Amino acid sequence: MNTERTIVFSTKHQVTMKDQVTPDIDKDLVFMDLYQQVMPYTMTSKEALFALYTSMNYILDRNIAGDIVECGVWRGGSSLLAALILKSRNISDRKLYLYDTFQGMPAPTEFDVDKYGRTGLEMIEQYGDEVGWCYAPLAEVQAAFSIHNFDFEINFIEGDVLETLPKTKPDIISVLRLDTDWYESTAAEFEILYPRLSSGGVLIIDDYGCWAGSRKATDDYFDKEPKIILTRIDKEVRLGIKI
């Protein structure tokens, strides 16, 4: 079984990622089949993908109302996993809302520093190419979905979420996955989308343990709203269920 993948952030920046052996996860053959299908399209860890897999089955088993939302799609692996689960369970009445610039990261703020002390601006200046850094063109992402012939609505919302979210958003959300890294975008996502997350719905914050801006936006929001327990999924990802 292949456990290595090449992560291409730009023409100047790529790394090889090797997933760890996880006996408790690896014995779930349904998940492992899905994992092999989406692995080329994501930099998310196996543990985090499994958390999304269990979250999707949780909201479906319990009939938690709402659509599936991902902010920060990159090549589409996580949202593709969600879509494949819907297809495998013959669910056609849920929509996907997938927000991304599809042209790389927008300008960071002073809050956007990674776990090693590198600023977002430094990363963009060092590793960005003529398009940007950490990008995947919309056409390539759509192609990864089109081969599966999904029979439910998938909305690709292109642009900075600061501009697109006020205009296009679902009424009710069952799974909300935030993966735009930076403070400003994550803060806007919380303000606009979290109130739409159903009670019992799942919140996934991909970069809480990696980018200080993502963590600050999360903590700032829950300083003024009822707190929920955020469970550590891996060194970066946190997950909670809205009460």
C-alpha atoms as a PDB file:
ATOM      1  CA  MET A   1       0.000   0.000   0.000  1.00  0.00           C
ATOM      2  CA  ASN A   2       1.350   3.410  -0.977  1.00  0.00           C
ATOM      3  CA  THR A   3       1.916   5.697   2.024  1.00  0.00           C
ATOM      4  CA  GLU A   4       3.996   8.412   0.327  1.00  0.00           C
ATOM      5  CA  ARG A   5       2.793  11.471  -1.517  1.00  0.00           C
ATOM      6  CA  THR A   6       4.490  14.485  -3.039  1.00  0.00           C
ATOM      7  CA  ILE A   7       3.057  17.804  -1.896  1.00  0.00           C
ATOM      8  CA  VAL A   8       3.529  20.533  -4.523  1.00  0.00           C
ATOM      9  CA  PHE A   9       3.007  23.996  -3.035  1.00  0.00           C
ATOM     10  CA  SER A  10       4.440  25.778  -6.091  1.00  0.00           C
ATOM     11  CA  THR A  11       7.047  25.246  -8.803  1.00  0.00           C
ATOM     12  CA  LYS A  12       9.635  26.300  -6.186  1.00  0.00           C
ATOM     13  CA  HIS A  13       8.399  24.235  -3.259  1.00  0.00           C
ATOM     14  CA  GLN A  14       7.557  20.569  -2.911  1.00  0.00           C
ATOM     15  CA  VAL A  15       7.976  18.019  -0.131  1.00  0.00           C
ATOM     16  CA  THR A  16       7.477  14.283   0.283  1.00  0.00           C
ATOM     17  CA  MET A  17       5.035  13.232   2.983  1.00  0.00           C
ATOM     18  CA  LYS A  18       4.982   9.718   4.439  1.00  0.00           C
ATOM     19  CA  ASP A  19       1.999   8.607   6.492  1.00  0.00           C
ATOM     20  CA  GLN A  20       2.578   6.618   9.653  1.00  0.00           C
ATOM     21  CA  VAL A  21       1.343   3.084  10.239  1.00  0.00           C
ATOM     22  CA  THR A  22      -1.870   3.358  12.265  1.00  0.00           C
ATOM     23  CA  PRO A  23      -3.159  -0.160  13.040  1.00  0.00           C
ATOM     24  CA  ASP A  24      -6.478   1.005  14.481  1.00  0.00           C
ATOM     25  CA  ILE A  25      -7.248   3.067  11.371  1.00  0.00           C
ATOM     26  CA  ASP A  26      -5.689   0.719   8.835  1.00  0.00           C
ATOM     27  CA  LYS A  27      -8.070  -2.112   9.737  1.00  0.00           C
ATOM     28  CA  ASP A  28     -11.041  -0.025   8.535  1.00  0.00           C
ATOM     29  CA  LEU A  29     -11.006  -1.260   4.950  1.00  0.00           C
ATOM     30  CA  VAL A  30     -13.782   1.057   3.776  1.00  0.00           C
ATOM     31  CA  PHE A  31     -11.824   4.085   4.931  1.00  0.00           C
ATOM     32  CA  MET A  32      -8.531   2.786   3.552  1.00  0.00           C
ATOM     33  CA  ASP A  33     -10.062   2.394   0.097  1.00  0.00           C
ATOM     34  CA  LEU A  34     -11.295   5.985   0.207  1.00  0.00           C
ATOM     35  CA  TYR A  35      -7.974   7.158   1.612  1.00  0.00           C
ATOM     36  CA  GLN A  36      -6.069   5.687  -1.327  1.00  0.00           C
ATOM     37  CA  GLN A  37      -8.417   7.483  -3.733  1.00  0.00           C
ATOM     38  CA  VAL A  38      -8.041  10.936  -2.179  1.00  0.00           C
ATOM     39  CA  MET A  39      -4.436  10.786  -0.956  1.00  0.00           C
ATOM     40  CA  PRO A  40      -2.953  12.345  -4.143  1.00  0.00           C
ATOM     41  CA  TYR A  41      -5.175  15.394  -3.668  1.00  0.00           C
ATOM     42  CA  THR A  42      -4.457  16.348  -0.063  1.00  0.00           C
ATOM     43  CA  MET A  43      -1.660  17.189   2.356  1.00  0.00           C
ATOM     44  CA  THR A  44      -3.896  16.276   5.305  1.00  0.00           C
ATOM     45  CA  SER A  45      -2.669  13.448   7.534  1.00  0.00           C
ATOM     46  CA  LYS A  46      -4.259  10.012   7.541  1.00  0.00           C
ATOM     47  CA  GLU A  47      -5.460  10.669  11.101  1.00  0.00           C
ATOM     48  CA  ALA A  48      -7.181  13.898  10.048  1.00  0.00           C
ATOM     49  CA  LEU A  49      -8.769  12.253   7.023  1.00  0.00           C
ATOM     50  CA  PHE A  50     -10.071   9.486   9.272  1.00  0.00           C
ATOM     51  CA  ALA A  51     -11.546  12.127  11.591  1.00  0.00           C
ATOM     52  CA  LEU A  52     -13.370  13.653   8.624  1.00  0.00           C
ATOM     53  CA  TYR A  53     -14.542  10.181   7.570  1.00  0.00           C
ATOM     54  CA  THR A  54     -15.978   9.468  11.025  1.00  0.00           C
ATOM     55  CA  SER A  55     -17.482  12.971  11.165  1.00  0.00           C
ATOM     56  CA  MET A  56     -19.318  12.479   7.884  1.00  0.00           C
ATOM     57  CA  ASN A  57     -20.719   9.140   8.996  1.00  0.00           C
ATOM     58  CA  TYR A  58     -21.652  10.675  12.353  1.00  0.00           C
ATOM     59  CA  ILE A  59     -23.749  13.482  10.853  1.00  0.00           C
ATOM     60  CA  LEU A  60     -25.408  11.085   8.402  1.00  0.00           C
ATOM     61  CA  ASP A  61     -26.164   8.413  11.008  1.00  0.00           C
ATOM     62  CA  ARG A  62     -27.721  11.026  13.296  1.00  0.00           C
ATOM     63  CA  ASN A  63     -29.461  13.035  10.576  1.00  0.00           C
ATOM     64  CA  ILE A  64     -27.683  16.251  11.547  1.00  0.00           C
ATOM     65  CA  ALA A  65     -29.126  18.813   9.150  1.00  0.00           C
ATOM     66  CA  GLY A  66     -27.008  20.846   6.794  1.00  0.00           C
ATOM     67  CA  ASP A  67     -24.585  20.988   3.922  1.00  0.00           C
ATOM     68  CA  ILE A  68     -20.847  20.307   3.876  1.00  0.00           C
ATOM     69  CA  VAL A  69     -18.543  23.345   3.829  1.00  0.00           C
ATOM     70  CA  GLU A  70     -14.806  23.560   3.300  1.00  0.00           C
ATOM     71  CA  CYS A  71     -12.867  26.818   3.288  1.00  0.00           C
ATOM     72  CA  GLY A  72      -9.411  26.246   1.845  1.00  0.00           C
ATOM     73  CA  VAL A  73      -9.729  23.423  -0.661  1.00  0.00           C
ATOM     74  CA  TRP A  74      -6.274  23.202  -2.289  1.00  0.00           C
ATOM     75  CA  ARG A  75      -6.411  20.148  -4.600  1.00  0.00           C
ATOM     76  CA  GLY A  76      -9.712  18.982  -3.120  1.00  0.00           C
ATOM     77  CA  GLY A  77      -8.771  15.796  -1.263  1.00  0.00           C
ATOM     78  CA  SER A  78     -10.718  16.395   1.942  1.00  0.00           C
ATOM     79  CA  SER A  79     -13.874  17.558   0.213  1.00  0.00           C
ATOM     80  CA  LEU A  80     -13.518  14.715  -2.288  1.00  0.00           C
ATOM     81  CA  LEU A  81     -13.488  12.292   0.641  1.00  0.00           C
ATOM     82  CA  ALA A  82     -16.708  13.847   1.940  1.00  0.00           C
ATOM     83  CA  ALA A  83     -18.275  13.575  -1.509  1.00  0.00           C
ATOM     84  CA  LEU A  84     -17.254   9.933  -1.901  1.00  0.00           C
ATOM     85  CA  ILE A  85     -18.853   9.112   1.446  1.00  0.00           C
ATOM     86  CA  LEU A  86     -22.108  10.750   0.348  1.00  0.00           C
ATOM     87  CA  LYS A  87     -22.006   8.771  -2.896  1.00  0.00           C
ATOM     88  CA  SER A  88     -21.258   5.477  -1.137  1.00  0.00           C
ATOM     89  CA  ARG A  89     -24.281   6.003   1.091  1.00  0.00           C
ATOM     90  CA  ASN A  90     -26.568   7.069  -1.775  1.00  0.00           C
ATOM     91  CA  ILE A  91     -27.059  10.535  -0.308  1.00  0.00           C
ATOM     92  CA  SER A  92     -28.108  13.114  -2.901  1.00  0.00           C
ATOM     93  CA  ASP A  93     -29.808  15.821  -0.833  1.00  0.00           C
ATOM     94  CA  ARG A  94     -26.662  17.361   0.697  1.00  0.00           C
ATOM     95  CA  LYS A  95     -24.690  20.092  -1.047  1.00  0.00           C
ATOM     96  CA  LEU A  96     -20.981  20.858  -0.913  1.00  0.00           C
ATOM     97  CA  TYR A  97     -19.731  24.443  -0.678  1.00  0.00           C
ATOM     98  CA  LEU A  98     -16.023  24.652  -1.472  1.00  0.00           C
ATOM     99  CA  TYR A  99     -14.322  28.028  -1.007  1.00  0.00           C
ATOM    100  CA  ASP A 100     -10.828  28.817  -2.283  1.00  0.00           C
ATOM    101  CA  THR A 101      -8.937  31.422  -4.285  1.00  0.00           C
ATOM    102  CA  PHE A 102      -7.584  28.558  -6.430  1.00  0.00           C
ATOM    103  CA  GLN A 103      -4.662  30.945  -7.019  1.00  0.00           C
ATOM    104  CA  GLY A 104      -2.732  30.599  -3.782  1.00  0.00           C
ATOM    105  CA  MET A 105      -2.662  32.338  -0.442  1.00  0.00           C
ATOM    106  CA  PRO A 106      -3.832  35.956  -0.051  1.00  0.00           C
ATOM    107  CA  ALA A 107      -1.727  38.466   1.865  1.00  0.00           C
ATOM    108  CA  PRO A 108      -1.076  37.396   5.482  1.00  0.00           C
ATOM    109  CA  THR A 109      -1.142  39.609   8.584  1.00  0.00           C
ATOM    110  CA  GLU A 110       1.349  39.936  11.427  1.00  0.00           C
ATOM    111  CA  PHE A 111      -0.556  37.195  13.272  1.00  0.00           C
ATOM    112  CA  ASP A 112       0.223  34.610  10.607  1.00  0.00           C
ATOM    113  CA  VAL A 113       3.306  32.830  11.933  1.00  0.00           C
ATOM    114  CA  ASP A 114       3.851  29.081  11.692  1.00  0.00           C
ATOM    115  CA  LYS A 115       4.846  26.666  14.454  1.00  0.00           C
ATOM    116  CA  TYR A 116       8.525  27.138  13.587  1.00  0.00           C
ATOM    117  CA  GLY A 117       8.387  30.924  13.851  1.00  0.00           C
ATOM    118  CA  ARG A 118       8.310  31.632  10.126  1.00  0.00           C
ATOM    119  CA  THR A 119       5.911  34.336   8.975  1.00  0.00           C
ATOM    120  CA  GLY A 120       3.419  33.770   6.216  1.00  0.00           C
ATOM    121  CA  LEU A 121       5.009  36.588   4.251  1.00  0.00           C
ATOM    122  CA  GLU A 122       8.414  34.896   4.479  1.00  0.00           C
ATOM    123  CA  MET A 123       6.953  31.646   3.189  1.00  0.00           C
ATOM    124  CA  ILE A 124       5.274  33.352   0.233  1.00  0.00           C
ATOM    125  CA  GLU A 125       8.395  35.360  -0.646  1.00  0.00           C
ATOM    126  CA  GLN A 126      10.664  32.317  -0.407  1.00  0.00           C
ATOM    127  CA  TYR A 127       8.483  29.683  -2.035  1.00  0.00           C
ATOM    128  CA  GLY A 128       5.919  31.492  -4.157  1.00  0.00           C
ATOM    129  CA  ASP A 129       6.163  31.455  -7.950  1.00  0.00           C
ATOM    130  CA  GLU A 130       4.508  33.623 -10.588  1.00  0.00           C
ATOM    131  CA  VAL A 131       1.076  32.269  -9.578  1.00  0.00           C
ATOM    132  CA  GLY A 132       1.510  32.181  -5.812  1.00  0.00           C
ATOM    133  CA  TRP A 133       2.121  29.658  -3.054  1.00  0.00           C
ATOM    134  CA  CYS A 134       0.023  26.665  -2.022  1.00  0.00           C
ATOM    135  CA  TYR A 135      -2.365  26.762  -4.967  1.00  0.00           C
ATOM    136  CA  ALA A 136      -4.270  24.412  -7.247  1.00  0.00           C
ATOM    137  CA  PRO A 137      -6.101  25.708 -10.336  1.00  0.00           C
ATOM    138  CA  LEU A 138      -9.877  25.416 -10.213  1.00  0.00           C
ATOM    139  CA  ALA A 139     -10.028  23.355 -13.409  1.00  0.00           C
ATOM    140  CA  GLU A 140      -7.724  20.707 -11.916  1.00  0.00           C
ATOM    141  CA  VAL A 141      -9.802  20.471  -8.750  1.00  0.00           C
ATOM    142  CA  GLN A 142     -13.041  20.187 -10.698  1.00  0.00           C
ATOM    143  CA  ALA A 143     -11.503  17.451 -12.856  1.00  0.00           C
ATOM    144  CA  ALA A 144     -10.750  15.364  -9.762  1.00  0.00           C
ATOM    145  CA  PHE A 145     -14.454  15.497  -8.885  1.00  0.00           C
ATOM    146  CA  SER A 146     -15.907  15.090 -12.371  1.00  0.00           C
ATOM    147  CA  ILE A 147     -14.571  11.553 -12.876  1.00  0.00           C
ATOM    148  CA  HIS A 148     -16.845  10.312 -10.075  1.00  0.00           C
ATOM    149  CA  ASN A 149     -20.147  11.507 -11.616  1.00  0.00           C
ATOM    150  CA  PHE A 150     -21.619  12.779  -8.360  1.00  0.00           C
ATOM    151  CA  ASP A 151     -25.385  13.324  -8.465  1.00  0.00           C
ATOM    152  CA  PHE A 152     -25.542  16.062  -5.825  1.00  0.00           C
ATOM    153  CA  GLU A 153     -24.730  19.752  -6.012  1.00  0.00           C
ATOM    154  CA  ILE A 154     -21.090  20.796  -5.614  1.00  0.00           C
ATOM    155  CA  ASN A 155     -20.456  24.534  -5.478  1.00  0.00           C
ATOM    156  CA  PHE A 156     -16.933  25.773  -6.190  1.00  0.00           C
ATOM    157  CA  ILE A 157     -16.761  29.353  -4.921  1.00  0.00           C
ATOM    158  CA  GLU A 158     -13.656  31.026  -6.320  1.00  0.00           C
ATOM    159  CA  GLY A 159     -12.072  34.048  -4.648  1.00  0.00           C
ATOM    160  CA  ASP A 160     -11.002  35.435  -1.295  1.00  0.00           C
ATOM    161  CA  VAL A 161     -13.491  34.344   1.381  1.00  0.00           C
ATOM    162  CA  LEU A 162     -13.541  37.911   2.704  1.00  0.00           C
ATOM    163  CA  GLU A 163     -15.347  38.776  -0.534  1.00  0.00           C
ATOM    164  CA  THR A 164     -17.192  35.570  -1.413  1.00  0.00           C
ATOM    165  CA  LEU A 165     -18.651  34.484   1.929  1.00  0.00           C
ATOM    166  CA  PRO A 166     -20.973  37.485   2.372  1.00  0.00           C
ATOM    167  CA  LYS A 167     -22.447  36.751  -1.066  1.00  0.00           C
ATOM    168  CA  THR A 168     -22.644  32.947  -1.191  1.00  0.00           C
ATOM    169  CA  LYS A 169     -23.271  30.748   1.825  1.00  0.00           C
ATOM    170  CA  PRO A 170     -25.475  27.806   2.817  1.00  0.00           C
ATOM    171  CA  ASP A 171     -28.393  28.240   5.187  1.00  0.00           C
ATOM    172  CA  ILE A 172     -27.519  25.269   7.406  1.00  0.00           C
ATOM    173  CA  ILE A 173     -24.204  23.417   7.817  1.00  0.00           C
ATOM    174  CA  SER A 174     -23.525  19.947   9.223  1.00  0.00           C
ATOM    175  CA  VAL A 175     -19.743  19.767   8.726  1.00  0.00           C
ATOM    176  CA  LEU A 176     -17.625  22.931   8.706  1.00  0.00           C
ATOM    177  CA  ARG A 177     -13.956  22.479   7.811  1.00  0.00           C
ATOM    178  CA  LEU A 178     -11.727  25.574   8.042  1.00  0.00           C
ATOM    179  CA  ASP A 179      -8.369  25.358   6.271  1.00  0.00           C
ATOM    180  CA  THR A 180      -7.387  28.832   5.074  1.00  0.00           C
ATOM    181  CA  ASP A 181      -4.512  29.160   7.551  1.00  0.00           C
ATOM    182  CA  TRP A 182      -4.563  32.939   8.044  1.00  0.00           C
ATOM    183  CA  TYR A 183      -6.144  35.006  10.796  1.00  0.00           C
ATOM    184  CA  GLU A 184      -8.394  37.286   8.733  1.00  0.00           C
ATOM    185  CA  SER A 185      -9.960  34.546   6.632  1.00  0.00           C
ATOM    186  CA  THR A 186     -10.496  32.198   9.572  1.00  0.00           C
ATOM    187  CA  ALA A 187     -12.047  34.983  11.649  1.00  0.00           C
ATOM    188  CA  ALA A 188     -14.486  35.805   8.835  1.00  0.00           C
ATOM    189  CA  GLU A 189     -15.382  32.132   8.437  1.00  0.00           C
ATOM    190  CA  PHE A 190     -16.245  31.860  12.117  1.00  0.00           C
ATOM    191  CA  GLU A 191     -18.358  35.023  12.104  1.00  0.00           C
ATOM    192  CA  ILE A 192     -20.337  34.103   8.996  1.00  0.00           C
ATOM    193  CA  LEU A 193     -20.464  30.304   8.995  1.00  0.00           C
ATOM    194  CA  TYR A 194     -20.273  29.015  12.560  1.00  0.00           C
ATOM    195  CA  PRO A 195     -23.722  30.430  13.498  1.00  0.00           C
ATOM    196  CA  ARG A 196     -25.089  28.342  10.610  1.00  0.00           C
ATOM    197  CA  LEU A 197     -23.565  25.103  11.942  1.00  0.00           C
ATOM    198  CA  SER A 198     -26.294  22.845  13.307  1.00  0.00           C
ATOM    199  CA  SER A 199     -26.360  21.798  16.928  1.00  0.00           C
ATOM    200  CA  GLY A 200     -24.519  18.494  16.842  1.00  0.00           C
ATOM    201  CA  GLY A 201     -22.630  19.584  13.728  1.00  0.00           C
ATOM    202  CA  VAL A 202     -18.893  19.072  13.384  1.00  0.00           C
ATOM    203  CA  LEU A 203     -16.264  21.828  13.315  1.00  0.00           C
ATOM    204  CA  ILE A 204     -12.795  20.966  11.991  1.00  0.00           C
ATOM    205  CA  ILE A 205      -9.956  23.498  12.203  1.00  0.00           C
ATOM    206  CA  ASP A 206      -7.093  22.245  10.084  1.00  0.00           C
ATOM    207  CA  ASP A 207      -4.345  24.664  11.112  1.00  0.00           C
ATOM    208  CA  TYR A 208      -4.971  25.324  14.808  1.00  0.00           C
ATOM    209  CA  GLY A 209      -1.698  23.658  15.778  1.00  0.00           C
ATOM    210  CA  CYS A 210       0.309  25.002  12.844  1.00  0.00           C
ATOM    211  CA  TRP A 211      -0.528  28.653  12.171  1.00  0.00           C
ATOM    212  CA  ALA A 212      -0.865  31.188  14.973  1.00  0.00           C
ATOM    213  CA  GLY A 213      -3.400  33.206  12.994  1.00  0.00           C
ATOM    214  CA  SER A 214      -5.780  30.272  12.692  1.00  0.00           C
ATOM    215  CA  ARG A 215      -5.438  29.563  16.398  1.00  0.00           C
ATOM    216  CA  LYS A 216      -5.958  33.221  17.364  1.00  0.00           C
ATOM    217  CA  ALA A 217      -9.069  33.543  15.199  1.00  0.00           C
ATOM    218  CA  THR A 218     -10.500  30.413  16.805  1.00  0.00           C
ATOM    219  CA  ASP A 219      -9.671  31.471  20.354  1.00  0.00           C
ATOM    220  CA  ASP A 220     -10.931  35.019  19.771  1.00  0.00           C
ATOM    221  CA  TYR A 221     -14.266  33.709  18.531  1.00  0.00           C
ATOM    222  CA  PHE A 222     -14.801  31.348  21.436  1.00  0.00           C
ATOM    223  CA  ASP A 223     -13.844  34.074  23.898  1.00  0.00           C
ATOM    224  CA  LYS A 224     -17.197  35.680  23.064  1.00  0.00           C
ATOM    225  CA  GLU A 225     -19.289  32.633  22.138  1.00  0.00           C
ATOM    226  CA  PRO A 226     -20.072  29.464  24.124  1.00  0.00           C
ATOM    227  CA  LYS A 227     -16.930  27.371  24.105  1.00  0.00           C
ATOM    228  CA  ILE A 228     -16.794  23.822  22.815  1.00  0.00           C
ATOM    229  CA  ILE A 229     -14.182  21.166  23.485  1.00  0.00           C
ATOM    230  CA  LEU A 230     -11.610  21.059  20.692  1.00  0.00           C
ATOM    231  CA  THR A 231     -10.066  17.607  20.477  1.00  0.00           C
ATOM    232  CA  ARG A 232      -6.530  17.178  19.137  1.00  0.00           C
ATOM    233  CA  ILE A 233      -6.628  14.950  16.044  1.00  0.00           C
ATOM    234  CA  ASP A 234      -2.975  15.356  15.084  1.00  0.00           C
ATOM    235  CA  LYS A 235      -0.270  17.975  15.594  1.00  0.00           C
ATOM    236  CA  GLU A 236      -2.251  20.492  13.538  1.00  0.00           C
ATOM    237  CA  VAL A 237      -5.950  19.570  13.390  1.00  0.00           C
ATOM    238  CA  ARG A 238      -8.597  20.198  16.053  1.00  0.00           C
ATOM    239  CA  LEU A 239     -12.200  18.942  16.000  1.00  0.00           C
ATOM    240  CA  GLY A 240     -15.273  19.854  18.013  1.00  0.00           C
ATOM    241  CA  ILE A 241     -19.016  19.209  18.044  1.00  0.00           C
ATOM    242  CA  LYS A 242     -21.295  22.220  18.419  1.00  0.00           C
ATOM    243  CA  ILE A 243     -23.530  22.003  21.461  1.00  0.00           C
END
